[in-house]
Amino acid sequence: MSAADSFALVEDADPALIYLIFTWLRKRYADHDNSDAVIGRLVAISSRGSVAKKMKEGQADPVAQWFEENYSYRTLEAKDFIELIIEKLEG
């Protein structure tokens, strides 16, 4: 998926979801062999439009604060992480 395609998905997403997913990716791929590619893609997406502003909003969101107080980004696998966050956002 290109950065433009990814941006189209992120553009309308909930700020807390954007913040949590981007942070999860940064934490999980920090020591990975492909970290340059993953982090590079995140930078390309977050430098467009209002993504950086939404990430700041998302960081202050109670759901993001709840997650960071109770869980670790590095311990949850992708599926478990997304299910937990979506359940909390929809709840």
C-alpha atoms as a PDB file:
ATOM      1  CA  MET A   1       0.000   0.000   0.000  1.00  0.00           C
ATOM      2  CA  SER A   2       1.367   3.403  -0.910  1.00  0.00           C
ATOM      3  CA  ALA A   3       1.668   6.298   1.523  1.00  0.00           C
ATOM      4  CA  ALA A   4      -1.132   8.046  -0.387  1.00  0.00           C
ATOM      5  CA  ASP A   5      -3.432   5.021  -0.010  1.00  0.00           C
ATOM      6  CA  SER A   6      -2.565   4.749   3.678  1.00  0.00           C
ATOM      7  CA  PHE A   7      -3.187   8.467   4.156  1.00  0.00           C
ATOM      8  CA  ALA A   8      -6.659   8.091   2.648  1.00  0.00           C
ATOM      9  CA  LEU A   9      -7.503   5.529   5.347  1.00  0.00           C
ATOM     10  CA  VAL A  10      -5.976   7.538   8.177  1.00  0.00           C
ATOM     11  CA  GLU A  11      -7.502  10.845   7.120  1.00  0.00           C
ATOM     12  CA  ASP A  12     -10.984   9.965   8.410  1.00  0.00           C
ATOM     13  CA  ALA A  13      -9.984   7.745  11.334  1.00  0.00           C
ATOM     14  CA  ASP A  14     -10.540   8.465  15.010  1.00  0.00           C
ATOM     15  CA  PRO A  15      -7.602  10.451  16.494  1.00  0.00           C
ATOM     16  CA  ALA A  16      -7.147   7.979  19.361  1.00  0.00           C
ATOM     17  CA  LEU A  17      -7.036   5.089  16.892  1.00  0.00           C
ATOM     18  CA  ILE A  18      -4.446   6.900  14.755  1.00  0.00           C
ATOM     19  CA  TYR A  19      -2.271   7.677  17.764  1.00  0.00           C
ATOM     20  CA  LEU A  20      -2.475   4.174  19.188  1.00  0.00           C
ATOM     21  CA  ILE A  21      -1.781   2.377  15.910  1.00  0.00           C
ATOM     22  CA  PHE A  22       1.123   4.631  14.953  1.00  0.00           C
ATOM     23  CA  THR A  23       2.623   4.314  18.440  1.00  0.00           C
ATOM     24  CA  TRP A  24       2.159   0.525  18.417  1.00  0.00           C
ATOM     25  CA  LEU A  25       3.936   0.320  15.065  1.00  0.00           C
ATOM     26  CA  ARG A  26       6.814   2.534  16.230  1.00  0.00           C
ATOM     27  CA  LYS A  27       7.270   0.518  19.433  1.00  0.00           C
ATOM     28  CA  ARG A  28       6.924  -2.902  17.807  1.00  0.00           C
ATOM     29  CA  TYR A  29       9.251  -2.145  14.893  1.00  0.00           C
ATOM     30  CA  ALA A  30      11.862  -0.111  16.783  1.00  0.00           C
ATOM     31  CA  ASP A  31      14.349  -3.029  16.794  1.00  0.00           C
ATOM     32  CA  HIS A  32      13.056  -4.878  13.732  1.00  0.00           C
ATOM     33  CA  ASP A  33      15.135  -5.478  10.589  1.00  0.00           C
ATOM     34  CA  ASN A  34      12.567  -3.517   8.558  1.00  0.00           C
ATOM     35  CA  SER A  35      12.271  -0.622  10.990  1.00  0.00           C
ATOM     36  CA  ASP A  36      13.543   1.935   8.470  1.00  0.00           C
ATOM     37  CA  ALA A  37      10.796   1.065   6.010  1.00  0.00           C
ATOM     38  CA  VAL A  38       8.025   0.980   8.618  1.00  0.00           C
ATOM     39  CA  ILE A  39       9.074   4.175  10.390  1.00  0.00           C
ATOM     40  CA  GLY A  40       9.669   5.863   7.035  1.00  0.00           C
ATOM     41  CA  ARG A  41       6.127   5.052   5.953  1.00  0.00           C
ATOM     42  CA  LEU A  42       4.733   6.403   9.231  1.00  0.00           C
ATOM     43  CA  VAL A  43       6.669   9.639   8.759  1.00  0.00           C
ATOM     44  CA  ALA A  44       5.428   9.950   5.177  1.00  0.00           C
ATOM     45  CA  ILE A  45       1.829   9.511   6.296  1.00  0.00           C
ATOM     46  CA  SER A  46       2.035  11.696   9.381  1.00  0.00           C
ATOM     47  CA  SER A  47       3.577  14.592   7.455  1.00  0.00           C
ATOM     48  CA  ARG A  48       0.461  14.936   5.287  1.00  0.00           C
ATOM     49  CA  GLY A  49      -2.675  16.884   6.015  1.00  0.00           C
ATOM     50  CA  SER A  50      -3.899  16.898   9.577  1.00  0.00           C
ATOM     51  CA  VAL A  51      -2.473  13.550  10.685  1.00  0.00           C
ATOM     52  CA  ALA A  52       0.062  15.083  13.103  1.00  0.00           C
ATOM     53  CA  LYS A  53      -2.670  17.229  14.654  1.00  0.00           C
ATOM     54  CA  LYS A  54      -4.943  14.184  14.998  1.00  0.00           C
ATOM     55  CA  MET A  55      -2.148  12.232  16.649  1.00  0.00           C
ATOM     56  CA  LYS A  56      -1.758  14.969  19.287  1.00  0.00           C
ATOM     57  CA  GLU A  57      -5.525  14.881  19.873  1.00  0.00           C
ATOM     58  CA  GLY A  58      -5.385  11.106  20.096  1.00  0.00           C
ATOM     59  CA  GLN A  59      -2.562  11.165  22.615  1.00  0.00           C
ATOM     60  CA  ALA A  60      -4.757  13.214  24.975  1.00  0.00           C
ATOM     61  CA  ASP A  61      -7.787  10.968  24.458  1.00  0.00           C
ATOM     62  CA  PRO A  62      -8.939   9.010  27.534  1.00  0.00           C
ATOM     63  CA  VAL A  63      -8.785   5.731  25.578  1.00  0.00           C
ATOM     64  CA  ALA A  64      -5.108   6.284  24.757  1.00  0.00           C
ATOM     65  CA  GLN A  65      -4.372   7.184  28.357  1.00  0.00           C
ATOM     66  CA  TRP A  66      -6.271   4.108  29.571  1.00  0.00           C
ATOM     67  CA  PHE A  67      -4.279   1.866  27.247  1.00  0.00           C
ATOM     68  CA  GLU A  68      -0.921   3.335  28.206  1.00  0.00           C
ATOM     69  CA  GLU A  69      -1.693   3.015  31.915  1.00  0.00           C
ATOM     70  CA  ASN A  70      -2.803  -0.610  31.658  1.00  0.00           C
ATOM     71  CA  TYR A  71      -0.964  -2.244  28.725  1.00  0.00           C
ATOM     72  CA  SER A  72       2.356  -2.349  26.944  1.00  0.00           C
ATOM     73  CA  TYR A  73       2.606  -1.762  23.197  1.00  0.00           C
ATOM     74  CA  ARG A  74       5.324  -4.379  22.860  1.00  0.00           C
ATOM     75  CA  THR A  75       3.440  -7.217  24.542  1.00  0.00           C
ATOM     76  CA  LEU A  76       0.281  -7.252  22.432  1.00  0.00           C
ATOM     77  CA  GLU A  77       0.262  -8.895  19.030  1.00  0.00           C
ATOM     78  CA  ALA A  78      -1.446  -7.015  16.193  1.00  0.00           C
ATOM     79  CA  LYS A  79      -4.786  -8.854  16.292  1.00  0.00           C
ATOM     80  CA  ASP A  80      -5.123  -8.642  20.073  1.00  0.00           C
ATOM     81  CA  PHE A  81      -4.112  -4.977  20.068  1.00  0.00           C
ATOM     82  CA  ILE A  82      -6.641  -3.957  17.396  1.00  0.00           C
ATOM     83  CA  GLU A  83      -9.468  -5.970  18.983  1.00  0.00           C
ATOM     84  CA  LEU A  84      -8.798  -4.401  22.383  1.00  0.00           C
ATOM     85  CA  ILE A  85      -8.659  -0.846  21.029  1.00  0.00           C
ATOM     86  CA  ILE A  86     -11.705  -1.164  18.791  1.00  0.00           C
ATOM     87  CA  GLU A  87     -13.732  -2.724  21.604  1.00  0.00           C
ATOM     88  CA  LYS A  88     -12.769   0.148  23.917  1.00  0.00           C
ATOM     89  CA  LEU A  89     -13.452   2.851  21.293  1.00  0.00           C
ATOM     90  CA  GLU A  90     -16.845   1.385  20.429  1.00  0.00           C
ATOM     91  CA  GLY A  91     -17.767   0.715  24.081  1.00  0.00           C
END
